[in-house]
Amino acid sequence: MADRDTLLTTRQAAELLNLKESTLEQWRWQGKGPQFVKLGRCVRYRRADLEAFTEGNIFRSATEVQPHTEPGGRGGHLRRS
């Protein structure tokens, strides 16, 4: 499996993003945050999806940031105005 396709646990993903596991868990229920993979009862995150989520949340100014929820729970939890 290529490095970008590596599946990470919630704990590993939280460590990579410097977040609490509970933040990722809340975002999943709210349809926010990075995309995830569901394998039975297990939740995993692809490294590529974590990288895409991070890249999609880069801003130059706080005025660019508007909280929202994407339809279908896709994408990041923030968007550019």
PDB file of N, CA and C in Angstrom:
ATOM      1  N   MET A   1       0.853  -1.184   0.000  1.00  0.00           N
ATOM      2  CA  MET A   1       0.000   0.000   0.000  1.00  0.00           C
ATOM      3  C   MET A   1       0.899   1.247   0.000  1.00  0.00           C
ATOM      4  N   ALA A   2       0.641   2.170  -0.894  1.00  0.00           N
ATOM      5  CA  ALA A   2       1.429   3.396  -0.960  1.00  0.00           C
ATOM      6  C   ALA A   2       1.225   4.215   0.308  1.00  0.00           C
ATOM      7  N   ASP A   3       2.207   5.038   0.638  1.00  0.00           N
ATOM      8  CA  ASP A   3       2.160   5.831   1.872  1.00  0.00           C
ATOM      9  C   ASP A   3       0.887   6.662   1.974  1.00  0.00           C
ATOM     10  N   ARG A   4       0.434   7.271   0.861  1.00  0.00           N
ATOM     11  CA  ARG A   4      -0.765   8.118   0.887  1.00  0.00           C
ATOM     12  C   ARG A   4      -2.038   7.298   1.080  1.00  0.00           C
ATOM     13  N   ASP A   5      -1.992   5.989   0.781  1.00  0.00           N
ATOM     14  CA  ASP A   5      -3.148   5.111   0.949  1.00  0.00           C
ATOM     15  C   ASP A   5      -3.153   4.403   2.296  1.00  0.00           C
ATOM     16  N   THR A   6      -2.127   4.641   3.105  1.00  0.00           N
ATOM     17  CA  THR A   6      -2.036   4.002   4.410  1.00  0.00           C
ATOM     18  C   THR A   6      -3.257   4.353   5.250  1.00  0.00           C
ATOM     19  N   LEU A   7      -3.834   3.339   5.894  1.00  0.00           N
ATOM     20  CA  LEU A   7      -4.991   3.557   6.758  1.00  0.00           C
ATOM     21  C   LEU A   7      -4.523   3.767   8.192  1.00  0.00           C
ATOM     22  N   LEU A   8      -4.999   4.848   8.796  1.00  0.00           N
ATOM     23  CA  LEU A   8      -4.619   5.203  10.155  1.00  0.00           C
ATOM     24  C   LEU A   8      -5.816   5.090  11.086  1.00  0.00           C
ATOM     25  N   THR A   9      -5.569   4.739  12.330  1.00  0.00           N
ATOM     26  CA  THR A   9      -6.623   4.721  13.343  1.00  0.00           C
ATOM     27  C   THR A   9      -6.986   6.156  13.707  1.00  0.00           C
ATOM     28  N   THR A  10      -8.067   6.308  14.453  1.00  0.00           N
ATOM     29  CA  THR A  10      -8.460   7.641  14.920  1.00  0.00           C
ATOM     30  C   THR A  10      -7.346   8.244  15.761  1.00  0.00           C
ATOM     31  N   ARG A  11      -6.731   7.450  16.603  1.00  0.00           N
ATOM     32  CA  ARG A  11      -5.636   7.943  17.444  1.00  0.00           C
ATOM     33  C   ARG A  11      -4.470   8.440  16.592  1.00  0.00           C
ATOM     34  N   GLN A  12      -4.081   7.651  15.596  1.00  0.00           N
ATOM     35  CA  GLN A  12      -2.972   8.044  14.726  1.00  0.00           C
ATOM     36  C   GLN A  12      -3.308   9.301  13.936  1.00  0.00           C
ATOM     37  N   ALA A  13      -4.543   9.381  13.427  1.00  0.00           N
ATOM     38  CA  ALA A  13      -4.964  10.564  12.670  1.00  0.00           C
ATOM     39  C   ALA A  13      -4.969  11.795  13.562  1.00  0.00           C
ATOM     40  N   ALA A  14      -5.456  11.649  14.783  1.00  0.00           N
ATOM     41  CA  ALA A  14      -5.484  12.771  15.726  1.00  0.00           C
ATOM     42  C   ALA A  14      -4.063  13.243  16.030  1.00  0.00           C
ATOM     43  N   GLU A  15      -3.159  12.310  16.224  1.00  0.00           N
ATOM     44  CA  GLU A  15      -1.758  12.674  16.480  1.00  0.00           C
ATOM     45  C   GLU A  15      -1.164  13.416  15.291  1.00  0.00           C
ATOM     46  N   LEU A  16      -1.446  12.937  14.090  1.00  0.00           N
ATOM     47  CA  LEU A  16      -0.922  13.569  12.882  1.00  0.00           C
ATOM     48  C   LEU A  16      -1.436  14.998  12.731  1.00  0.00           C
ATOM     49  N   LEU A  17      -2.717  15.220  13.070  1.00  0.00           N
ATOM     50  CA  LEU A  17      -3.329  16.550  12.947  1.00  0.00           C
ATOM     51  C   LEU A  17      -3.168  17.393  14.207  1.00  0.00           C
ATOM     52  N   ASN A  18      -2.564  16.813  15.242  1.00  0.00           N
ATOM     53  CA  ASN A  18      -2.394  17.499  16.525  1.00  0.00           C
ATOM     54  C   ASN A  18      -3.748  17.890  17.123  1.00  0.00           C
ATOM     55  N   LEU A  19      -4.681  16.944  17.100  1.00  0.00           N
ATOM     56  CA  LEU A  19      -6.025  17.123  17.648  1.00  0.00           C
ATOM     57  C   LEU A  19      -6.297  16.037  18.672  1.00  0.00           C
ATOM     58  N   LYS A  20      -7.362  16.205  19.432  1.00  0.00           N
ATOM     59  CA  LYS A  20      -7.823  15.145  20.322  1.00  0.00           C
ATOM     60  C   LYS A  20      -8.638  14.144  19.513  1.00  0.00           C
ATOM     61  N   GLU A  21      -8.588  12.887  19.921  1.00  0.00           N
ATOM     62  CA  GLU A  21      -9.400  11.861  19.268  1.00  0.00           C
ATOM     63  C   GLU A  21     -10.876  12.246  19.306  1.00  0.00           C
ATOM     64  N   SER A  22     -11.301  12.826  20.413  1.00  0.00           N
ATOM     65  CA  SER A  22     -12.712  13.194  20.565  1.00  0.00           C
ATOM     66  C   SER A  22     -13.136  14.251  19.548  1.00  0.00           C
ATOM     67  N   THR A  23     -12.207  15.085  19.118  1.00  0.00           N
ATOM     68  CA  THR A  23     -12.530  16.080  18.096  1.00  0.00           C
ATOM     69  C   THR A  23     -12.882  15.382  16.789  1.00  0.00           C
ATOM     70  N   LEU A  24     -12.070  14.415  16.384  1.00  0.00           N
ATOM     71  CA  LEU A  24     -12.363  13.674  15.154  1.00  0.00           C
ATOM     72  C   LEU A  24     -13.669  12.896  15.291  1.00  0.00           C
ATOM     73  N   GLU A  25     -13.916  12.326  16.464  1.00  0.00           N
ATOM     74  CA  GLU A  25     -15.162  11.584  16.693  1.00  0.00           C
ATOM     75  C   GLU A  25     -16.368  12.510  16.571  1.00  0.00           C
ATOM     76  N   GLN A  26     -16.296  13.701  17.143  1.00  0.00           N
ATOM     77  CA  GLN A  26     -17.395  14.674  17.042  1.00  0.00           C
ATOM     78  C   GLN A  26     -17.588  15.108  15.602  1.00  0.00           C
ATOM     79  N   TRP A  27     -16.512  15.388  14.903  1.00  0.00           N
ATOM     80  CA  TRP A  27     -16.616  15.822  13.511  1.00  0.00           C
ATOM     81  C   TRP A  27     -17.272  14.752  12.652  1.00  0.00           C
ATOM     82  N   ARG A  28     -16.987  13.458  12.925  1.00  0.00           N
ATOM     83  CA  ARG A  28     -17.635  12.390  12.149  1.00  0.00           C
ATOM     84  C   ARG A  28     -19.146  12.444  12.336  1.00  0.00           C
ATOM     85  N   TRP A  29     -19.613  12.604  13.551  1.00  0.00           N
ATOM     86  CA  TRP A  29     -21.053  12.661  13.833  1.00  0.00           C
ATOM     87  C   TRP A  29     -21.693  13.908  13.241  1.00  0.00           C
ATOM     88  N   GLN A  30     -20.922  14.993  13.176  1.00  0.00           N
ATOM     89  CA  GLN A  30     -21.443  16.260  12.665  1.00  0.00           C
ATOM     90  C   GLN A  30     -21.278  16.385  11.152  1.00  0.00           C
ATOM     91  N   GLY A  31     -20.627  15.417  10.517  1.00  0.00           N
ATOM     92  CA  GLY A  31     -20.399  15.485   9.077  1.00  0.00           C
ATOM     93  C   GLY A  31     -19.344  16.500   8.707  1.00  0.00           C
ATOM     94  N   LYS A  32     -18.410  16.739   9.608  1.00  0.00           N
ATOM     95  CA  LYS A  32     -17.318  17.692   9.391  1.00  0.00           C
ATOM     96  C   LYS A  32     -16.005  16.927   9.347  1.00  0.00           C
ATOM     97  N   GLY A  33     -14.938  17.653   9.123  1.00  0.00           N
ATOM     98  CA  GLY A  33     -13.621  17.044   9.212  1.00  0.00           C
ATOM     99  C   GLY A  33     -13.254  16.231   7.991  1.00  0.00           C
ATOM    100  N   PRO A  34     -12.147  15.503   8.102  1.00  0.00           N
ATOM    101  CA  PRO A  34     -11.658  14.729   6.955  1.00  0.00           C
ATOM    102  C   PRO A  34     -12.537  13.516   6.669  1.00  0.00           C
ATOM    103  N   GLN A  35     -12.518  13.090   5.422  1.00  0.00           N
ATOM    104  CA  GLN A  35     -13.230  11.866   5.046  1.00  0.00           C
ATOM    105  C   GLN A  35     -12.610  10.697   5.799  1.00  0.00           C
ATOM    106  N   PHE A  36     -13.416   9.655   6.024  1.00  0.00           N
ATOM    107  CA  PHE A  36     -12.913   8.483   6.716  1.00  0.00           C
ATOM    108  C   PHE A  36     -13.447   7.223   6.047  1.00  0.00           C
ATOM    109  N   VAL A  37     -12.840   6.100   6.392  1.00  0.00           N
ATOM    110  CA  VAL A  37     -13.212   4.795   5.855  1.00  0.00           C
ATOM    111  C   VAL A  37     -13.834   4.001   6.996  1.00  0.00           C
ATOM    112  N   LYS A  38     -14.941   3.355   6.721  1.00  0.00           N
ATOM    113  CA  LYS A  38     -15.610   2.517   7.721  1.00  0.00           C
ATOM    114  C   LYS A  38     -15.450   1.063   7.284  1.00  0.00           C
ATOM    115  N   LEU A  39     -14.784   0.266   8.086  1.00  0.00           N
ATOM    116  CA  LEU A  39     -14.562  -1.158   7.821  1.00  0.00           C
ATOM    117  C   LEU A  39     -15.239  -1.939   8.943  1.00  0.00           C
ATOM    118  N   GLY A  40     -16.470  -2.344   8.707  1.00  0.00           N
ATOM    119  CA  GLY A  40     -17.247  -2.960   9.782  1.00  0.00           C
ATOM    120  C   GLY A  40     -17.496  -1.911  10.856  1.00  0.00           C
ATOM    121  N   ARG A  41     -17.053  -2.192  12.068  1.00  0.00           N
ATOM    122  CA  ARG A  41     -17.197  -1.220  13.158  1.00  0.00           C
ATOM    123  C   ARG A  41     -15.963  -0.334  13.315  1.00  0.00           C
ATOM    124  N   CYS A  42     -14.938  -0.603  12.523  1.00  0.00           N
ATOM    125  CA  CYS A  42     -13.678   0.144  12.634  1.00  0.00           C
ATOM    126  C   CYS A  42     -13.688   1.380  11.744  1.00  0.00           C
ATOM    127  N   VAL A  43     -13.149   2.470  12.261  1.00  0.00           N
ATOM    128  CA  VAL A  43     -12.995   3.711  11.509  1.00  0.00           C
ATOM    129  C   VAL A  43     -11.513   3.893  11.211  1.00  0.00           C
ATOM    130  N   ARG A  44     -11.212   4.211   9.971  1.00  0.00           N
ATOM    131  CA  ARG A  44      -9.838   4.469   9.564  1.00  0.00           C
ATOM    132  C   ARG A  44      -9.804   5.724   8.705  1.00  0.00           C
ATOM    133  N   TYR A  45      -8.647   6.369   8.664  1.00  0.00           N
ATOM    134  CA  TYR A  45      -8.430   7.565   7.859  1.00  0.00           C
ATOM    135  C   TYR A  45      -7.286   7.302   6.899  1.00  0.00           C
ATOM    136  N   ARG A  46      -7.497   7.621   5.618  1.00  0.00           N
ATOM    137  CA  ARG A  46      -6.400   7.541   4.649  1.00  0.00           C
ATOM    138  C   ARG A  46      -5.527   8.770   4.823  1.00  0.00           C
ATOM    139  N   ARG A  47      -4.226   8.557   4.787  1.00  0.00           N
ATOM    140  CA  ARG A  47      -3.287   9.676   4.932  1.00  0.00           C
ATOM    141  C   ARG A  47      -3.564  10.749   3.866  1.00  0.00           C
ATOM    142  N   ALA A  48      -3.899  10.331   2.653  1.00  0.00           N
ATOM    143  CA  ALA A  48      -4.182  11.279   1.569  1.00  0.00           C
ATOM    144  C   ALA A  48      -5.381  12.165   1.919  1.00  0.00           C
ATOM    145  N   ASP A  49      -6.409  11.602   2.573  1.00  0.00           N
ATOM    146  CA  ASP A  49      -7.580  12.397   2.959  1.00  0.00           C
ATOM    147  C   ASP A  49      -7.236  13.394   4.059  1.00  0.00           C
ATOM    148  N   LEU A  50      -6.342  13.011   4.967  1.00  0.00           N
ATOM    149  CA  LEU A  50      -5.909  13.940   6.016  1.00  0.00           C
ATOM    150  C   LEU A  50      -5.110  15.093   5.415  1.00  0.00           C
ATOM    151  N   GLU A  51      -4.264  14.766   4.439  1.00  0.00           N
ATOM    152  CA  GLU A  51      -3.484  15.801   3.759  1.00  0.00           C
ATOM    153  C   GLU A  51      -4.406  16.742   2.982  1.00  0.00           C
ATOM    154  N   ALA A  52      -5.406  16.190   2.300  1.00  0.00           N
ATOM    155  CA  ALA A  52      -6.347  17.012   1.528  1.00  0.00           C
ATOM    156  C   ALA A  52      -7.159  17.916   2.462  1.00  0.00           C
ATOM    157  N   PHE A  53      -7.567  17.389   3.595  1.00  0.00           N
ATOM    158  CA  PHE A  53      -8.317  18.176   4.570  1.00  0.00           C
ATOM    159  C   PHE A  53      -7.470  19.345   5.069  1.00  0.00           C
ATOM    160  N   THR A  54      -6.219  19.070   5.376  1.00  0.00           N
ATOM    161  CA  THR A  54      -5.315  20.120   5.846  1.00  0.00           C
ATOM    162  C   THR A  54      -5.116  21.180   4.763  1.00  0.00           C
ATOM    163  N   GLU A  55      -4.850  20.749   3.535  1.00  0.00           N
ATOM    164  CA  GLU A  55      -4.647  21.690   2.428  1.00  0.00           C
ATOM    165  C   GLU A  55      -5.893  22.528   2.165  1.00  0.00           C
ATOM    166  N   GLY A  56      -7.064  21.959   2.354  1.00  0.00           N
ATOM    167  CA  GLY A  56      -8.317  22.672   2.127  1.00  0.00           C
ATOM    168  C   GLY A  56      -8.670  23.655   3.225  1.00  0.00           C
ATOM    169  N   ASN A  57      -7.872  23.689   4.285  1.00  0.00           N
ATOM    170  CA  ASN A  57      -8.131  24.579   5.407  1.00  0.00           C
ATOM    171  C   ASN A  57      -6.960  25.511   5.678  1.00  0.00           C
ATOM    172  N   ILE A  58      -6.327  25.961   4.612  1.00  0.00           N
ATOM    173  CA  ILE A  58      -5.248  26.945   4.720  1.00  0.00           C
ATOM    174  C   ILE A  58      -5.814  28.310   4.333  1.00  0.00           C
ATOM    175  N   PHE A  59      -5.610  29.288   5.190  1.00  0.00           N
ATOM    176  CA  PHE A  59      -6.168  30.623   4.981  1.00  0.00           C
ATOM    177  C   PHE A  59      -5.096  31.680   5.210  1.00  0.00           C
ATOM    178  N   ARG A  60      -5.269  32.821   4.570  1.00  0.00           N
ATOM    179  CA  ARG A  60      -4.377  33.963   4.762  1.00  0.00           C
ATOM    180  C   ARG A  60      -4.915  34.921   5.818  1.00  0.00           C
ATOM    181  N   SER A  61      -6.231  34.897   6.021  1.00  0.00           N
ATOM    182  CA  SER A  61      -6.867  35.843   6.929  1.00  0.00           C
ATOM    183  C   SER A  61      -8.038  35.175   7.627  1.00  0.00           C
ATOM    184  N   ALA A  62      -8.296  35.583   8.861  1.00  0.00           N
ATOM    185  CA  ALA A  62      -9.431  35.035   9.606  1.00  0.00           C
ATOM    186  C   ALA A  62     -10.757  35.414   8.948  1.00  0.00           C
ATOM    187  N   THR A  63     -10.772  36.481   8.149  1.00  0.00           N
ATOM    188  CA  THR A  63     -12.019  36.886   7.487  1.00  0.00           C
ATOM    189  C   THR A  63     -12.408  35.929   6.361  1.00  0.00           C
ATOM    190  N   GLU A  64     -11.481  35.063   5.921  1.00  0.00           N
ATOM    191  CA  GLU A  64     -11.790  34.075   4.886  1.00  0.00           C
ATOM    192  C   GLU A  64     -12.586  32.898   5.445  1.00  0.00           C
ATOM    193  N   VAL A  65     -12.534  32.680   6.742  1.00  0.00           N
ATOM    194  CA  VAL A  65     -13.083  31.490   7.370  1.00  0.00           C
ATOM    195  C   VAL A  65     -14.542  31.690   7.734  1.00  0.00           C
ATOM    196  N   GLN A  66     -15.395  30.755   7.269  1.00  0.00           N
ATOM    197  CA  GLN A  66     -16.807  30.755   7.622  1.00  0.00           C
ATOM    198  C   GLN A  66     -17.188  29.335   8.005  1.00  0.00           C
ATOM    199  N   PRO A  67     -17.666  29.113   9.250  1.00  0.00           N
ATOM    200  CA  PRO A  67     -18.078  27.754   9.621  1.00  0.00           C
ATOM    201  C   PRO A  67     -19.264  27.302   8.782  1.00  0.00           C
ATOM    202  N   HIS A  68     -19.297  26.021   8.438  1.00  0.00           N
ATOM    203  CA  HIS A  68     -20.424  25.456   7.700  1.00  0.00           C
ATOM    204  C   HIS A  68     -20.350  23.942   7.745  1.00  0.00           C
ATOM    205  N   THR A  69     -21.372  23.306   7.287  1.00  0.00           N
ATOM    206  CA  THR A  69     -21.392  21.862   7.117  1.00  0.00           C
ATOM    207  C   THR A  69     -21.653  21.576   5.648  1.00  0.00           C
ATOM    208  N   GLU A  70     -20.768  20.799   5.046  1.00  0.00           N
ATOM    209  CA  GLU A  70     -20.926  20.422   3.642  1.00  0.00           C
ATOM    210  C   GLU A  70     -22.098  19.459   3.484  1.00  0.00           C
ATOM    211  N   PRO A  71     -22.864  19.554   2.405  1.00  0.00           N
ATOM    212  CA  PRO A  71     -23.907  18.567   2.135  1.00  0.00           C
ATOM    213  C   PRO A  71     -23.305  17.173   2.034  1.00  0.00           C
ATOM    214  N   GLY A  72     -23.937  16.214   2.636  1.00  0.00           N
ATOM    215  CA  GLY A  72     -23.445  14.841   2.581  1.00  0.00           C
ATOM    216  C   GLY A  72     -22.247  14.567   3.465  1.00  0.00           C
ATOM    217  N   GLY A  73     -21.864  15.553   4.281  1.00  0.00           N
ATOM    218  CA  GLY A  73     -20.760  15.341   5.203  1.00  0.00           C
ATOM    219  C   GLY A  73     -19.397  15.243   4.545  1.00  0.00           C
ATOM    220  N   ARG A  74     -19.243  15.740   3.334  1.00  0.00           N
ATOM    221  CA  ARG A  74     -17.971  15.672   2.626  1.00  0.00           C
ATOM    222  C   ARG A  74     -17.147  16.923   2.873  1.00  0.00           C
ATOM    223  N   GLY A  75     -15.849  16.772   2.788  1.00  0.00           N
ATOM    224  CA  GLY A  75     -14.953  17.909   2.845  1.00  0.00           C
ATOM    225  C   GLY A  75     -14.657  18.367   4.249  1.00  0.00           C
ATOM    226  N   GLY A  76     -14.046  19.549   4.338  1.00  0.00           N
ATOM    227  CA  GLY A  76     -13.633  20.105   5.614  1.00  0.00           C
ATOM    228  C   GLY A  76     -14.768  20.768   6.350  1.00  0.00           C
ATOM    229  N   HIS A  77     -14.491  21.237   7.537  1.00  0.00           N
ATOM    230  CA  HIS A  77     -15.518  21.878   8.335  1.00  0.00           C
ATOM    231  C   HIS A  77     -15.499  23.387   8.174  1.00  0.00           C
ATOM    232  N   LEU A  78     -14.553  23.896   7.411  1.00  0.00           N
ATOM    233  CA  LEU A  78     -14.448  25.331   7.183  1.00  0.00           C
ATOM    234  C   LEU A  78     -14.396  25.572   5.679  1.00  0.00           C
ATOM    235  N   ARG A  79     -14.747  26.774   5.267  1.00  0.00           N
ATOM    236  CA  ARG A  79     -14.631  27.088   3.842  1.00  0.00           C
ATOM    237  C   ARG A  79     -14.177  28.526   3.658  1.00  0.00           C
ATOM    238  N   ARG A  80     -13.693  28.781   2.482  1.00  0.00           N
ATOM    239  CA  ARG A  80     -13.289  30.142   2.131  1.00  0.00           C
ATOM    240  C   ARG A  80     -14.519  30.911   1.703  1.00  0.00           C
ATOM    241  N   SER A  81     -14.528  32.208   2.008  1.00  0.00           N
ATOM    242  CA  SER A  81     -15.683  33.033   1.610  1.00  0.00           C
ATOM    243  C   SER A  81     -15.578  33.450   0.156  1.00  0.00           C
TER     244      SER A  81
END
